[in-house]
Amino acid sequence: MFKRTIVTALLITGLAGLSGICASGQSTSAVLQATPAPQTWQSEFDEVCSKTQDAMTFSEEELAALIVRCDVLLPQLEKLDETRRKVYTARLRMCRGLYAYVLESKKNAKK
């Protein structure tokens, strides 16, 4: 119940409004090799950060792949102008944090 409350609180604080998770089922190595080109960071960001409200429905493998995609996208966001860099990196970190939390919760639930 406590975990559900935390996830709900995170979603209420604005994560539910973010756009774009693709649960394509790609392997982690495929995601790393498919680093988006600089001009496509926005579409990758939108894809990775959408539908965070559905994070609990993803498998552990899908969550791990999303976390890797967030990690790959972060260096591209660091190259943006100061204002956009701050906004997008903060939002990406929130998405990644939620995915990591849900992944950890699922792993702990198996124990």
N, C-alpha and C. Protein backbone atom coordinates (compact mmCIF):
# COMPACT_ATOMS: atom_id res chain seq x y z
N MET A 1 0.83 -1.19 0.00
CA MET A 1 0.00 0.00 0.00
C MET A 1 0.87 1.25 0.00
N PHE A 2 1.96 1.24 0.79
CA PHE A 2 2.86 2.39 0.87
C PHE A 2 3.49 2.67 -0.49
N LYS A 3 3.90 1.61 -1.20
CA LYS A 3 4.51 1.78 -2.52
C LYS A 3 3.51 2.39 -3.49
N ARG A 4 2.29 1.93 -3.44
CA ARG A 4 1.26 2.46 -4.33
C ARG A 4 1.03 3.94 -4.05
N THR A 5 1.07 4.31 -2.77
CA THR A 5 0.87 5.70 -2.39
C THR A 5 1.99 6.57 -2.94
N ILE A 6 3.22 6.09 -2.87
CA ILE A 6 4.35 6.85 -3.39
C ILE A 6 4.25 7.01 -4.90
N VAL A 7 3.93 5.93 -5.59
CA VAL A 7 3.80 6.00 -7.04
C VAL A 7 2.68 6.97 -7.41
N THR A 8 1.57 6.89 -6.70
CA THR A 8 0.47 7.80 -6.97
C THR A 8 0.89 9.25 -6.74
N ALA A 9 1.62 9.49 -5.67
CA ALA A 9 2.08 10.85 -5.38
C ALA A 9 3.00 11.37 -6.48
N LEU A 10 3.88 10.51 -6.97
CA LEU A 10 4.77 10.91 -8.06
C LEU A 10 3.98 11.25 -9.31
N LEU A 11 2.99 10.46 -9.58
CA LEU A 11 2.19 10.71 -10.77
C LEU A 11 1.40 12.01 -10.65
N ILE A 12 0.89 12.27 -9.47
CA ILE A 12 0.12 13.48 -9.27
C ILE A 12 0.98 14.71 -9.42
N THR A 13 2.25 14.64 -9.06
CA THR A 13 3.13 15.80 -9.13
C THR A 13 3.53 16.18 -10.54
N GLY A 14 2.98 15.50 -11.51
CA GLY A 14 3.23 15.95 -12.87
C GLY A 14 3.78 14.91 -13.82
N LEU A 15 4.14 13.76 -13.31
CA LEU A 15 4.69 12.76 -14.21
C LEU A 15 3.64 12.21 -15.15
N ALA A 16 2.38 12.20 -14.73
CA ALA A 16 1.32 11.66 -15.57
C ALA A 16 1.14 12.49 -16.83
N GLY A 17 1.53 13.75 -16.78
CA GLY A 17 1.36 14.61 -17.95
C GLY A 17 2.46 14.50 -18.98
N LEU A 18 3.52 13.80 -18.66
CA LEU A 18 4.62 13.68 -19.61
C LEU A 18 4.21 12.74 -20.74
N SER A 19 4.86 12.90 -21.88
CA SER A 19 4.45 12.06 -23.01
C SER A 19 5.56 11.14 -23.47
N GLY A 20 5.24 9.89 -23.79
CA GLY A 20 5.93 8.91 -24.58
C GLY A 20 6.73 7.76 -24.08
N ILE A 21 6.21 6.64 -23.67
CA ILE A 21 6.98 5.42 -23.41
C ILE A 21 6.71 4.45 -24.55
N CYS A 22 7.77 3.93 -25.08
CA CYS A 22 7.61 2.89 -26.08
C CYS A 22 8.11 1.60 -25.46
N ALA A 23 7.25 0.67 -25.28
CA ALA A 23 7.63 -0.62 -24.72
C ALA A 23 7.87 -1.58 -25.87
N SER A 24 8.89 -1.30 -26.65
CA SER A 24 9.13 -2.07 -27.86
C SER A 24 9.76 -3.42 -27.58
N GLY A 25 10.29 -3.59 -26.39
CA GLY A 25 10.91 -4.86 -26.06
C GLY A 25 12.30 -5.02 -26.63
N GLN A 26 12.93 -3.94 -27.07
CA GLN A 26 14.29 -4.03 -27.59
C GLN A 26 15.24 -4.43 -26.47
N SER A 27 16.31 -5.12 -26.85
CA SER A 27 17.31 -5.48 -25.86
C SER A 27 18.09 -4.24 -25.45
N THR A 28 18.72 -4.30 -24.28
CA THR A 28 19.49 -3.17 -23.77
C THR A 28 20.60 -2.79 -24.74
N SER A 29 21.28 -3.78 -25.30
CA SER A 29 22.38 -3.48 -26.23
C SER A 29 21.85 -2.80 -27.49
N ALA A 30 20.66 -3.20 -27.94
CA ALA A 30 20.07 -2.57 -29.13
C ALA A 30 19.74 -1.12 -28.85
N VAL A 31 19.27 -0.84 -27.65
CA VAL A 31 18.93 0.53 -27.28
C VAL A 31 20.20 1.37 -27.23
N LEU A 32 21.28 0.83 -26.69
CA LEU A 32 22.54 1.58 -26.62
C LEU A 32 23.09 1.86 -28.01
N GLN A 33 22.95 0.90 -28.92
CA GLN A 33 23.46 1.09 -30.26
C GLN A 33 22.61 2.07 -31.06
N ALA A 34 21.37 2.21 -30.70
CA ALA A 34 20.44 3.06 -31.44
C ALA A 34 20.36 4.45 -30.81
N THR A 35 21.51 5.02 -30.48
CA THR A 35 21.53 6.36 -29.92
C THR A 35 20.94 7.34 -30.93
N PRO A 36 19.93 8.10 -30.50
CA PRO A 36 19.29 9.01 -31.45
C PRO A 36 20.23 10.11 -31.94
N ALA A 37 20.02 10.53 -33.17
CA ALA A 37 20.80 11.63 -33.73
C ALA A 37 20.43 12.91 -32.99
N PRO A 38 21.33 13.91 -32.98
CA PRO A 38 21.06 15.14 -32.24
C PRO A 38 19.73 15.79 -32.58
N GLN A 39 19.32 15.79 -33.83
CA GLN A 39 18.07 16.45 -34.19
C GLN A 39 16.84 15.65 -33.78
N THR A 40 17.00 14.42 -33.35
CA THR A 40 15.85 13.61 -32.96
C THR A 40 15.73 13.42 -31.45
N TRP A 41 16.47 14.19 -30.67
CA TRP A 41 16.41 14.01 -29.22
C TRP A 41 14.99 14.26 -28.70
N GLN A 42 14.28 15.20 -29.31
CA GLN A 42 12.93 15.54 -28.84
C GLN A 42 11.98 14.35 -29.01
N SER A 43 12.03 13.70 -30.15
CA SER A 43 11.13 12.56 -30.36
C SER A 43 11.50 11.40 -29.44
N GLU A 44 12.78 11.18 -29.21
CA GLU A 44 13.22 10.13 -28.28
C GLU A 44 12.77 10.48 -26.86
N PHE A 45 12.92 11.74 -26.48
CA PHE A 45 12.48 12.19 -25.16
C PHE A 45 10.98 11.95 -25.00
N ASP A 46 10.21 12.37 -26.00
CA ASP A 46 8.76 12.19 -25.94
C ASP A 46 8.39 10.72 -25.83
N GLU A 47 9.08 9.90 -26.59
CA GLU A 47 8.79 8.46 -26.59
C GLU A 47 9.13 7.83 -25.24
N VAL A 48 10.28 8.19 -24.69
CA VAL A 48 10.73 7.58 -23.43
C VAL A 48 9.90 8.06 -22.24
N CYS A 49 9.50 9.31 -22.24
CA CYS A 49 8.84 9.88 -21.07
C CYS A 49 7.31 9.88 -21.13
N SER A 50 6.74 9.35 -22.19
CA SER A 50 5.27 9.36 -22.23
C SER A 50 4.69 8.16 -21.50
N LYS A 51 3.47 8.31 -21.10
CA LYS A 51 2.72 7.24 -20.45
C LYS A 51 3.39 6.71 -19.20
N THR A 52 4.04 7.57 -18.45
CA THR A 52 4.67 7.12 -17.20
C THR A 52 3.64 6.59 -16.23
N GLN A 53 2.38 7.00 -16.40
CA GLN A 53 1.35 6.50 -15.52
C GLN A 53 1.12 5.00 -15.71
N ASP A 54 1.63 4.43 -16.80
CA ASP A 54 1.51 2.99 -17.07
C ASP A 54 2.75 2.21 -16.65
N ALA A 55 3.67 2.84 -15.94
CA ALA A 55 4.94 2.20 -15.60
C ALA A 55 4.76 0.88 -14.86
N MET A 56 3.74 0.78 -14.03
CA MET A 56 3.53 -0.45 -13.26
C MET A 56 3.14 -1.63 -14.15
N THR A 57 2.70 -1.38 -15.36
CA THR A 57 2.28 -2.46 -16.24
C THR A 57 3.42 -3.05 -17.05
N PHE A 58 4.58 -2.41 -17.05
CA PHE A 58 5.70 -2.90 -17.84
C PHE A 58 6.47 -3.99 -17.11
N SER A 59 7.07 -4.87 -17.88
CA SER A 59 7.90 -5.94 -17.31
C SER A 59 9.22 -5.35 -16.81
N GLU A 60 9.94 -6.13 -16.05
CA GLU A 60 11.25 -5.69 -15.55
C GLU A 60 12.19 -5.38 -16.70
N GLU A 61 12.13 -6.19 -17.75
CA GLU A 61 13.01 -5.99 -18.90
C GLU A 61 12.68 -4.69 -19.62
N GLU A 62 11.39 -4.42 -19.77
CA GLU A 62 10.98 -3.17 -20.43
C GLU A 62 11.39 -1.96 -19.60
N LEU A 63 11.24 -2.05 -18.28
CA LEU A 63 11.65 -0.94 -17.41
C LEU A 63 13.15 -0.72 -17.49
N ALA A 64 13.93 -1.81 -17.48
CA ALA A 64 15.38 -1.69 -17.58
C ALA A 64 15.78 -1.04 -18.90
N ALA A 65 15.09 -1.40 -19.99
CA ALA A 65 15.39 -0.81 -21.30
C ALA A 65 15.06 0.68 -21.29
N LEU A 66 13.97 1.07 -20.66
CA LEU A 66 13.61 2.48 -20.58
C LEU A 66 14.63 3.27 -19.77
N ILE A 67 15.14 2.68 -18.70
CA ILE A 67 16.16 3.34 -17.89
C ILE A 67 17.43 3.56 -18.71
N VAL A 68 17.82 2.57 -19.48
CA VAL A 68 19.00 2.70 -20.34
C VAL A 68 18.77 3.80 -21.38
N ARG A 69 17.58 3.84 -21.95
CA ARG A 69 17.28 4.88 -22.94
C ARG A 69 17.36 6.27 -22.32
N CYS A 70 16.91 6.39 -21.08
CA CYS A 70 17.04 7.68 -20.38
C CYS A 70 18.51 8.05 -20.22
N ASP A 71 19.32 7.06 -19.82
CA ASP A 71 20.75 7.31 -19.63
C ASP A 71 21.44 7.71 -20.92
N VAL A 72 21.03 7.12 -22.04
CA VAL A 72 21.62 7.44 -23.34
C VAL A 72 21.20 8.84 -23.79
N LEU A 73 20.00 9.24 -23.46
CA LEU A 73 19.48 10.54 -23.88
C LEU A 73 20.05 11.71 -23.08
N LEU A 74 20.41 11.49 -21.85
CA LEU A 74 20.87 12.57 -20.97
C LEU A 74 22.04 13.37 -21.55
N PRO A 75 23.10 12.77 -22.09
CA PRO A 75 24.20 13.58 -22.65
C PRO A 75 23.75 14.51 -23.79
N GLN A 76 22.76 14.09 -24.55
CA GLN A 76 22.27 14.95 -25.63
C GLN A 76 21.55 16.17 -25.07
N LEU A 77 20.84 15.98 -23.97
CA LEU A 77 20.13 17.10 -23.35
C LEU A 77 21.10 18.09 -22.71
N GLU A 78 22.25 17.60 -22.28
CA GLU A 78 23.26 18.47 -21.67
C GLU A 78 23.82 19.48 -22.67
N LYS A 79 23.63 19.23 -23.96
CA LYS A 79 24.15 20.12 -25.00
C LYS A 79 23.18 21.26 -25.34
N LEU A 80 21.98 21.24 -24.79
CA LEU A 80 20.98 22.26 -25.09
C LEU A 80 21.31 23.57 -24.39
N ASP A 81 20.62 24.65 -24.80
CA ASP A 81 20.79 25.92 -24.10
C ASP A 81 20.34 25.75 -22.65
N GLU A 82 20.79 26.66 -21.79
CA GLU A 82 20.62 26.50 -20.34
C GLU A 82 19.18 26.25 -19.91
N THR A 83 18.25 27.03 -20.40
CA THR A 83 16.86 26.90 -19.97
C THR A 83 16.28 25.55 -20.38
N ARG A 84 16.42 25.20 -21.65
CA ARG A 84 15.88 23.91 -22.11
C ARG A 84 16.60 22.75 -21.46
N ARG A 85 17.91 22.88 -21.25
CA ARG A 85 18.68 21.82 -20.58
C ARG A 85 18.12 21.56 -19.19
N LYS A 86 17.88 22.62 -18.43
CA LYS A 86 17.37 22.45 -17.07
C LYS A 86 16.00 21.79 -17.06
N VAL A 87 15.12 22.25 -17.93
CA VAL A 87 13.75 21.72 -17.97
C VAL A 87 13.75 20.26 -18.39
N TYR A 88 14.39 19.97 -19.51
CA TYR A 88 14.33 18.61 -20.04
C TYR A 88 15.13 17.61 -19.21
N THR A 89 16.26 18.01 -18.67
CA THR A 89 17.00 17.06 -17.83
C THR A 89 16.25 16.77 -16.54
N ALA A 90 15.58 17.77 -15.98
CA ALA A 90 14.79 17.53 -14.77
C ALA A 90 13.64 16.56 -15.06
N ARG A 91 12.96 16.78 -16.16
CA ARG A 91 11.85 15.89 -16.53
C ARG A 91 12.35 14.49 -16.84
N LEU A 92 13.48 14.38 -17.53
CA LEU A 92 14.03 13.06 -17.84
C LEU A 92 14.44 12.33 -16.57
N ARG A 93 15.03 13.04 -15.64
CA ARG A 93 15.43 12.41 -14.37
C ARG A 93 14.21 11.94 -13.58
N MET A 94 13.10 12.69 -13.65
CA MET A 94 11.88 12.24 -12.98
C MET A 94 11.35 10.96 -13.63
N CYS A 95 11.36 10.92 -14.95
CA CYS A 95 10.92 9.71 -15.65
C CYS A 95 11.81 8.52 -15.28
N ARG A 96 13.11 8.74 -15.33
CA ARG A 96 14.04 7.67 -15.01
C ARG A 96 13.87 7.21 -13.57
N GLY A 97 13.70 8.17 -12.67
CA GLY A 97 13.52 7.84 -11.26
C GLY A 97 12.27 7.00 -11.03
N LEU A 98 11.21 7.33 -11.72
CA LEU A 98 9.98 6.54 -11.58
C LEU A 98 10.19 5.13 -12.11
N TYR A 99 10.82 5.00 -13.28
CA TYR A 99 11.07 3.67 -13.83
C TYR A 99 11.97 2.86 -12.90
N ALA A 100 12.99 3.49 -12.35
CA ALA A 100 13.89 2.78 -11.45
C ALA A 100 13.16 2.35 -10.18
N TYR A 101 12.30 3.21 -9.67
CA TYR A 101 11.54 2.88 -8.47
C TYR A 101 10.60 1.70 -8.72
N VAL A 102 9.89 1.73 -9.85
CA VAL A 102 8.97 0.65 -10.17
C VAL A 102 9.73 -0.65 -10.39
N LEU A 103 10.87 -0.57 -11.08
CA LEU A 103 11.69 -1.76 -11.30
C LEU A 103 12.14 -2.35 -9.97
N GLU A 104 12.63 -1.51 -9.08
CA GLU A 104 13.07 -1.98 -7.76
C GLU A 104 11.91 -2.58 -6.98
N SER A 105 10.75 -1.97 -7.06
CA SER A 105 9.57 -2.49 -6.38
C SER A 105 9.20 -3.87 -6.89
N LYS A 106 9.26 -4.04 -8.20
CA LYS A 106 8.93 -5.33 -8.78
C LYS A 106 9.94 -6.41 -8.38
N LYS A 107 11.21 -6.02 -8.33
CA LYS A 107 12.24 -6.97 -7.90
C LYS A 107 12.03 -7.35 -6.43
N ASN A 108 11.71 -6.38 -5.60
CA ASN A 108 11.49 -6.67 -4.18
C ASN A 108 10.24 -7.51 -3.95
N ALA A 109 9.25 -7.33 -4.81
CA ALA A 109 8.01 -8.09 -4.67
C ALA A 109 8.23 -9.58 -4.97
N LYS A 110 9.23 -9.89 -5.76
CA LYS A 110 9.55 -11.29 -6.09
C LYS A 110 10.21 -12.02 -4.92
N LYS A 111 10.84 -11.24 -4.05
CA LYS A 111 11.60 -11.86 -2.94
C LYS A 111 10.70 -12.41 -1.90
